[in-house]
C-alpha atoms as a PDB file:
ATOM      1  CA  MET A   1      12.749 -17.439  69.117  1.00  0.00           C
ATOM      2  CA  SER A   2       9.426 -17.881  67.310  1.00  0.00           C
ATOM      3  CA  LYS A   3       8.745 -14.131  67.060  1.00  0.00           C
ATOM      4  CA  PRO A   4      11.457 -13.383  64.446  1.00  0.00           C
ATOM      5  CA  LYS A   5      10.265 -16.349  62.362  1.00  0.00           C
ATOM      6  CA  THR A   6       6.713 -15.010  62.577  1.00  0.00           C
ATOM      7  CA  ILE A   7       7.859 -11.563  61.415  1.00  0.00           C
ATOM      8  CA  ILE A   8       9.828 -13.057  58.508  1.00  0.00           C
ATOM      9  CA  CYS A   9       6.852 -15.203  57.502  1.00  0.00           C
ATOM     10  CA  TRP A  10       4.518 -12.199  57.684  1.00  0.00           C
ATOM     11  CA  ARG A  11       6.890 -10.106  55.568  1.00  0.00           C
ATOM     12  CA  PHE A  12       7.156 -12.891  53.000  1.00  0.00           C
ATOM     13  CA  GLN A  13       3.370 -13.226  52.825  1.00  0.00           C
ATOM     14  CA  PHE A  14       2.980  -9.450  52.466  1.00  0.00           C
ATOM     15  CA  LEU A  15       5.589  -9.354  49.677  1.00  0.00           C
ATOM     16  CA  LEU A  16       3.900 -12.257  47.892  1.00  0.00           C
ATOM     17  CA  PHE A  17       0.494 -10.575  48.216  1.00  0.00           C
ATOM     18  CA  THR A  18       1.908  -7.310  46.846  1.00  0.00           C
ATOM     19  CA  CYS A  19       3.488  -9.057  43.857  1.00  0.00           C
ATOM     20  CA  LEU A  20       0.300 -10.982  43.046  1.00  0.00           C
ATOM     21  CA  THR A  21      -1.796  -7.821  43.347  1.00  0.00           C
ATOM     22  CA  PHE A  22       0.523  -5.933  41.010  1.00  0.00           C
ATOM     23  CA  LEU A  23       0.521  -8.823  38.543  1.00  0.00           C
ATOM     24  CA  CYS A  24      -3.277  -9.024  38.514  1.00  0.00           C
ATOM     25  CA  PHE A  25      -3.546  -5.251  38.125  1.00  0.00           C
ATOM     26  CA  SER A  26      -1.065  -5.268  35.231  1.00  0.00           C
ATOM     27  CA  ASN A  27      -2.920  -8.101  33.503  1.00  0.00           C
ATOM     28  CA  SER A  28      -6.194  -6.233  33.950  1.00  0.00           C
ATOM     29  CA  ILE A  29      -4.771  -3.061  32.384  1.00  0.00           C
ATOM     30  CA  TYR A  30      -3.258  -5.101  29.538  1.00  0.00           C
ATOM     31  CA  ALA A  31      -6.565  -6.894  28.900  1.00  0.00           C
ATOM     32  CA  GLN A  32      -8.472  -3.608  28.854  1.00  0.00           C
ATOM     33  CA  SER A  33      -6.004  -2.009  26.426  1.00  0.00           C
ATOM     34  CA  CYS A  34      -6.157  -5.003  24.083  1.00  0.00           C
ATOM     35  CA  GLU A  35      -9.944  -5.108  24.263  1.00  0.00           C
ATOM     36  CA  HIS A  36      -9.976  -1.765  22.435  1.00  0.00           C
ATOM     37  CA  ASP A  37      -6.795  -2.346  20.445  1.00  0.00           C
ATOM     38  CA  THR A  38      -6.334   0.081  17.542  1.00  0.00           C
ATOM     39  CA  VAL A  39      -2.595  -0.386  17.010  1.00  0.00           C
ATOM     40  CA  PRO A  40      -1.752  -2.152  13.730  1.00  0.00           C
ATOM     41  CA  PRO A  41       0.866  -4.903  13.669  1.00  0.00           C
ATOM     42  CA  SER A  42       4.443  -4.054  12.716  1.00  0.00           C
ATOM     43  CA  ILE A  43       6.000  -5.689   9.648  1.00  0.00           C
ATOM     44  CA  ASN A  44       9.749  -6.200   9.341  1.00  0.00           C
ATOM     45  CA  LEU A  45      10.853  -6.989   5.780  1.00  0.00           C
ATOM     46  CA  ASN A  46      14.272  -8.139   7.061  1.00  0.00           C
ATOM     47  CA  THR A  47      15.751  -6.408   3.988  1.00  0.00           C
ATOM     48  CA  GLU A  48      16.019  -2.884   2.645  1.00  0.00           C
ATOM     49  CA  ASP A  49      12.813  -1.452   1.163  1.00  0.00           C
ATOM     50  CA  THR A  50      14.422  -1.785  -2.274  1.00  0.00           C
ATOM     51  CA  VAL A  51      16.558  -4.797  -3.221  1.00  0.00           C
ATOM     52  CA  PHE A  52      18.353  -5.579  -6.469  1.00  0.00           C
ATOM     53  CA  HIS A  53      18.387  -8.874  -8.307  1.00  0.00           C
ATOM     54  CA  VAL A  54      20.403 -10.129 -11.276  1.00  0.00           C
ATOM     55  CA  VAL A  55      18.217 -10.955 -14.272  1.00  0.00           C
ATOM     56  CA  ASN A  56      17.812 -14.590 -15.387  1.00  0.00           C
ATOM     57  CA  SER A  57      18.578 -15.979 -11.927  1.00  0.00           C
ATOM     58  CA  GLU A  58      15.924 -17.524  -9.690  1.00  0.00           C
ATOM     59  CA  TYR A  59      14.493 -15.165  -7.089  1.00  0.00           C
ATOM     60  CA  PHE A  60      13.957 -16.354  -3.504  1.00  0.00           C
ATOM     61  CA  PRO A  61      12.188 -13.675  -1.419  1.00  0.00           C
ATOM     62  CA  THR A  62      13.362 -13.023   2.126  1.00  0.00           C
ATOM     63  CA  ARG A  63      10.604 -13.939   4.576  1.00  0.00           C
ATOM     64  CA  ALA A  64       9.104 -10.984   6.427  1.00  0.00           C
ATOM     65  CA  THR A  65       8.236 -11.179  10.133  1.00  0.00           C
ATOM     66  CA  VAL A  66       5.479  -9.493  12.105  1.00  0.00           C
ATOM     67  CA  THR A  67       4.978  -8.386  15.715  1.00  0.00           C
ATOM     68  CA  ASP A  68       1.906  -7.037  17.494  1.00  0.00           C
ATOM     69  CA  ASN A  69       1.283  -5.255  20.781  1.00  0.00           C
ATOM     70  CA  CYS A  70      -1.525  -7.640  21.805  1.00  0.00           C
ATOM     71  CA  SER A  71      -1.562 -10.704  19.548  1.00  0.00           C
ATOM     72  CA  ASP A  72       1.044 -13.427  19.353  1.00  0.00           C
ATOM     73  CA  SER A  73       2.677 -13.568  15.913  1.00  0.00           C
ATOM     74  CA  THR A  74       0.903 -16.873  15.265  1.00  0.00           C
ATOM     75  CA  ASN A  75      -2.418 -15.010  15.572  1.00  0.00           C
ATOM     76  CA  VAL A  76      -1.467 -12.333  13.031  1.00  0.00           C
ATOM     77  CA  SER A  77      -2.276 -13.010   9.390  1.00  0.00           C
ATOM     78  CA  LEU A  78       0.563 -12.106   7.018  1.00  0.00           C
ATOM     79  CA  THR A  79      -0.108 -12.365   3.273  1.00  0.00           C
ATOM     80  CA  VAL A  80       2.226 -11.547   0.402  1.00  0.00           C
ATOM     81  CA  ASN A  81       1.250 -10.551  -3.137  1.00  0.00           C
ATOM     82  CA  SER A  82       4.072 -10.309  -5.651  1.00  0.00           C
ATOM     83  CA  ASN A  83       4.484  -9.646  -9.379  1.00  0.00           C
ATOM     84  CA  VAL A  84       8.242 -10.292  -9.540  1.00  0.00           C
ATOM     85  CA  ASN A  85       9.544 -11.640 -12.848  1.00  0.00           C
ATOM     86  CA  PRO A  86      13.266 -12.362 -12.385  1.00  0.00           C
ATOM     87  CA  TYR A  87      13.692 -12.945 -16.129  1.00  0.00           C
ATOM     88  CA  VAL A  88      12.645  -9.446 -17.269  1.00  0.00           C
ATOM     89  CA  VAL A  89      14.575  -6.283 -16.364  1.00  0.00           C
ATOM     90  CA  GLY A  90      12.446  -3.811 -14.383  1.00  0.00           C
ATOM     91  CA  CYS A  91      11.180  -2.986 -10.904  1.00  0.00           C
ATOM     92  CA  TYR A  92       8.505  -5.061  -9.202  1.00  0.00           C
ATOM     93  CA  GLN A  93       6.653  -5.010  -5.889  1.00  0.00           C
ATOM     94  CA  GLU A  94       5.903  -7.407  -3.066  1.00  0.00           C
ATOM     95  CA  TYR A  95       2.920  -6.266  -0.970  1.00  0.00           C
ATOM     96  CA  HIS A  96       3.042  -7.551   2.631  1.00  0.00           C
ATOM     97  CA  THR A  97      -0.268  -7.177   4.475  1.00  0.00           C
ATOM     98  CA  ALA A  98      -0.660  -8.014   8.173  1.00  0.00           C
ATOM     99  CA  VAL A  99      -3.966  -8.228  10.067  1.00  0.00           C
ATOM    100  CA  ASP A 100      -4.125  -8.831  13.822  1.00  0.00           C
ATOM    101  CA  SER A 101      -6.915 -10.441  15.865  1.00  0.00           C
ATOM    102  CA  SER A 102      -8.589  -7.036  16.360  1.00  0.00           C
ATOM    103  CA  GLY A 103      -8.759  -6.413  12.635  1.00  0.00           C
ATOM    104  CA  ASN A 104      -6.010  -3.776  12.587  1.00  0.00           C
ATOM    105  CA  ARG A 105      -4.205  -3.805   9.248  1.00  0.00           C
ATOM    106  CA  SER A 106      -0.771  -2.675   8.078  1.00  0.00           C
ATOM    107  CA  LEU A 107       1.002  -2.748   4.719  1.00  0.00           C
ATOM    108  CA  LYS A 108       4.661  -2.749   3.775  1.00  0.00           C
ATOM    109  CA  ILE A 109       6.079  -2.891   0.271  1.00  0.00           C
ATOM    110  CA  ARG A 110       9.374  -4.345  -0.875  1.00  0.00           C
ATOM    111  CA  THR A 111      10.555  -3.196  -4.310  1.00  0.00           C
ATOM    112  CA  ILE A 112      12.661  -5.668  -6.289  1.00  0.00           C
ATOM    113  CA  CYS A 113      14.628  -4.173  -9.145  1.00  0.00           C
ATOM    114  CA  VAL A 114      15.789  -6.783 -11.628  1.00  0.00           C
ATOM    115  CA  ARG A 115      18.940  -5.574 -13.344  1.00  0.00           C
ATOM    116  CA  SER A 116      21.453  -6.790 -15.888  1.00  0.00           C
ATOM    117  CA  SER A 117      24.388  -8.667 -14.402  1.00  0.00           C
ATOM    118  CA  LEU A 118      26.588  -6.162 -16.294  1.00  0.00           C
ATOM    119  CA  ASP A 119      27.071  -2.819 -14.533  1.00  0.00           C
ATOM    120  CA  LEU A 120      24.440  -3.053 -11.798  1.00  0.00           C
ATOM    121  CA  SER A 121      25.621   0.201 -10.200  1.00  0.00           C
ATOM    122  CA  ALA A 122      25.028   2.238 -13.360  1.00  0.00           C
ATOM    123  CA  LYS A 123      21.453   0.946 -13.594  1.00  0.00           C
ATOM    124  CA  VAL A 124      20.789   1.942 -10.001  1.00  0.00           C
ATOM    125  CA  VAL A 125      22.016   5.505 -10.486  1.00  0.00           C
ATOM    126  CA  SER A 126      19.643   6.075 -13.425  1.00  0.00           C
ATOM    127  CA  GLU A 127      16.569   4.629 -11.635  1.00  0.00           C
ATOM    128  CA  ASP A 128      15.355   7.910 -10.069  1.00  0.00           C
ATOM    129  CA  ALA A 129      15.443   9.702 -13.422  1.00  0.00           C
ATOM    130  CA  LEU A 130      12.666   7.453 -14.771  1.00  0.00           C
ATOM    131  CA  PHE A 131       9.977   8.544 -12.293  1.00  0.00           C
ATOM    132  CA  GLN A 132       9.984  11.473  -9.874  1.00  0.00           C
ATOM    133  CA  VAL A 133       7.263  13.047  -7.725  1.00  0.00           C
ATOM    134  CA  TYR A 134       7.366  16.534  -6.202  1.00  0.00           C
ATOM    135  CA  PRO A 135       6.658  18.419  -4.009  1.00  0.00           C
ATOM    136  CA  ASN A 136       6.839  15.784  -1.332  1.00  0.00           C
ATOM    137  CA  PRO A 137       5.232  16.202   1.208  1.00  0.00           C
ATOM    138  CA  THR A 138       2.285  17.648  -0.690  1.00  0.00           C
ATOM    139  CA  SER A 139      -0.805  19.556   0.385  1.00  0.00           C
ATOM    140  CA  GLY A 140      -2.908  17.826  -2.273  1.00  0.00           C
ATOM    141  CA  THR A 141      -1.354  18.049  -5.719  1.00  0.00           C
ATOM    142  CA  PHE A 142       2.046  16.964  -6.978  1.00  0.00           C
ATOM    143  CA  GLN A 143       3.888  16.599 -10.254  1.00  0.00           C
ATOM    144  CA  ALA A 144       4.714  13.173 -11.663  1.00  0.00           C
ATOM    145  CA  GLN A 145       7.741  13.552 -13.917  1.00  0.00           C
ATOM    146  CA  ILE A 146       8.347  10.722 -16.383  1.00  0.00           C
ATOM    147  CA  GLY A 147      11.787  10.047 -17.820  1.00  0.00           C
ATOM    148  CA  LEU A 148      10.685   7.307 -20.230  1.00  0.00           C
ATOM    149  CA  GLU A 149      10.789   8.066 -23.950  1.00  0.00           C
ATOM    150  CA  ASP A 150       7.891   5.743 -24.768  1.00  0.00           C
ATOM    151  CA  ARG A 151       4.938   6.980 -22.707  1.00  0.00           C
ATOM    152  CA  GLU A 152       2.218   4.986 -24.448  1.00  0.00           C
ATOM    153  CA  GLY A 153       0.031   3.056 -22.021  1.00  0.00           C
ATOM    154  CA  LEU A 154       1.518   4.653 -18.903  1.00  0.00           C
ATOM    155  CA  GLU A 155      -0.637   4.913 -15.800  1.00  0.00           C
ATOM    156  CA  VAL A 156      -0.120   5.990 -12.212  1.00  0.00           C
ATOM    157  CA  VAL A 157      -1.879   4.097  -9.432  1.00  0.00           C
ATOM    158  CA  VAL A 158      -2.134   5.636  -5.965  1.00  0.00           C
ATOM    159  CA  LYS A 159      -2.741   3.333  -2.998  1.00  0.00           C
ATOM    160  CA  ASN A 160      -3.151   4.050   0.700  1.00  0.00           C
ATOM    161  CA  MET A 161      -1.237   2.153   3.386  1.00  0.00           C
ATOM    162  CA  LEU A 162      -4.012  -0.463   3.527  1.00  0.00           C
ATOM    163  CA  GLY A 163      -3.261  -1.403  -0.066  1.00  0.00           C
ATOM    164  CA  GLU A 164      -6.514   0.106  -1.361  1.00  0.00           C
ATOM    165  CA  THR A 165      -6.435   1.894  -4.730  1.00  0.00           C
ATOM    166  CA  VAL A 166      -7.675   5.457  -4.188  1.00  0.00           C
ATOM    167  CA  GLU A 167      -6.749   7.084  -7.513  1.00  0.00           C
ATOM    168  CA  ARG A 168      -5.725   5.992 -11.005  1.00  0.00           C
ATOM    169  CA  PHE A 169      -4.436   8.275 -13.779  1.00  0.00           C
ATOM    170  CA  ASP A 170      -3.397   7.778 -17.410  1.00  0.00           C
ATOM    171  CA  LEU A 171      -0.223   9.680 -18.273  1.00  0.00           C
ATOM    172  CA  VAL A 172       0.651  11.162 -21.653  1.00  0.00           C
ATOM    173  CA  ASP A 173       3.045  14.019 -20.880  1.00  0.00           C
ATOM    174  CA  GLU A 174       6.534  14.272 -19.424  1.00  0.00           C
ATOM    175  CA  GLN A 175       5.110  16.194 -16.460  1.00  0.00           C
ATOM    176  CA  ASN A 176       1.671  15.380 -15.068  1.00  0.00           C
ATOM    177  CA  LEU A 177      -0.308  17.036 -12.278  1.00  0.00           C
ATOM    178  CA  ILE A 178      -1.720  14.474  -9.826  1.00  0.00           C
ATOM    179  CA  ASP A 179      -4.449  15.516  -7.378  1.00  0.00           C
ATOM    180  CA  ILE A 180      -5.085  13.458  -4.216  1.00  0.00           C
ATOM    181  CA  GLY A 181      -6.416  16.362  -2.161  1.00  0.00           C
ATOM    182  CA  SER A 182      -9.719  14.568  -1.525  1.00  0.00           C
ATOM    183  CA  GLN A 183      -7.917  11.842   0.437  1.00  0.00           C
ATOM    184  CA  PRO A 184      -7.114  11.942   4.184  1.00  0.00           C
ATOM    185  CA  SER A 185      -3.636  12.903   5.348  1.00  0.00           C
ATOM    186  CA  GLY A 186      -1.014  10.179   5.480  1.00  0.00           C
ATOM    187  CA  MET A 187       1.446   8.172   3.429  1.00  0.00           C
ATOM    188  CA  TYR A 188       0.519   6.986  -0.080  1.00  0.00           C
ATOM    189  CA  ILE A 189       2.206   4.598  -2.499  1.00  0.00           C
ATOM    190  CA  VAL A 190       2.452   5.990  -6.038  1.00  0.00           C
ATOM    191  CA  THR A 191       3.254   3.414  -8.723  1.00  0.00           C
ATOM    192  CA  LEU A 192       4.060   4.165 -12.357  1.00  0.00           C
ATOM    193  CA  ARG A 193       3.096   1.146 -14.464  1.00  0.00           C
ATOM    194  CA  THR A 194       4.306   0.387 -17.958  1.00  0.00           C
ATOM    195  CA  ASN A 195       4.261  -2.970 -19.764  1.00  0.00           C
ATOM    196  CA  GLY A 196       3.803  -4.875 -16.507  1.00  0.00           C
ATOM    197  CA  VAL A 197       6.747  -3.140 -14.806  1.00  0.00           C
ATOM    198  CA  GLY A 198       6.263  -0.748 -11.882  1.00  0.00           C
ATOM    199  CA  TYR A 199       8.286   2.143 -10.459  1.00  0.00           C
ATOM    200  CA  VAL A 200       7.294   3.015  -6.889  1.00  0.00           C
ATOM    201  CA  ARG A 201       7.494   6.257  -4.953  1.00  0.00           C
ATOM    202  CA  LYS A 202       6.064   7.246  -1.560  1.00  0.00           C
ATOM    203  CA  VAL A 203       4.210  10.527  -1.126  1.00  0.00           C
ATOM    204  CA  PHE A 204       3.119  12.092   2.165  1.00  0.00           C
ATOM    205  CA  LEU A 205      -0.141  14.069   2.054  1.00  0.00           C
ATOM    206  CA  LYS A 206      -0.192  16.805   4.700  1.00  0.00           C
END
């Protein structure tokens, strides 16, 4: 009668040993992958990329969240820079920057368009006509088309996905040729600035 119990005990010990070995091996692989971690954290705005707000009402930003493949969210730095003025009609930006424990950095931008409480939908439809970029994707140069009548003091600022300014141009014409061909391939944030208000477009450089 003791032989079956011995077999069951041996099988249980073997199963336990196998599970512990697999767990240790998995932890070892995970530790090695995180030791050379190059994956940036992921930012979730918990809203659309562009949100609309009624002018002259207090603005309360939705809190973004962050996840990382190696670091706990409490070990990821998330900073927010914002120029939102809810009392002036225009489009503004919130820059969310996340840095994990390995130094990997990511950036996500939320655009807040402050609009009149009267006829919000009509304001939204006309938004694209104010600032357009094409071709997109681009191989290096693209046209920035401005739909604003008053073009005095206009400038375009181009930033990479780390939030670093890589190019800055003053605009005087309705159509302007922008050259970012000296930059590496990837996504860029192109912002048209006028009187403290920004209009944002994304451009992919092939």
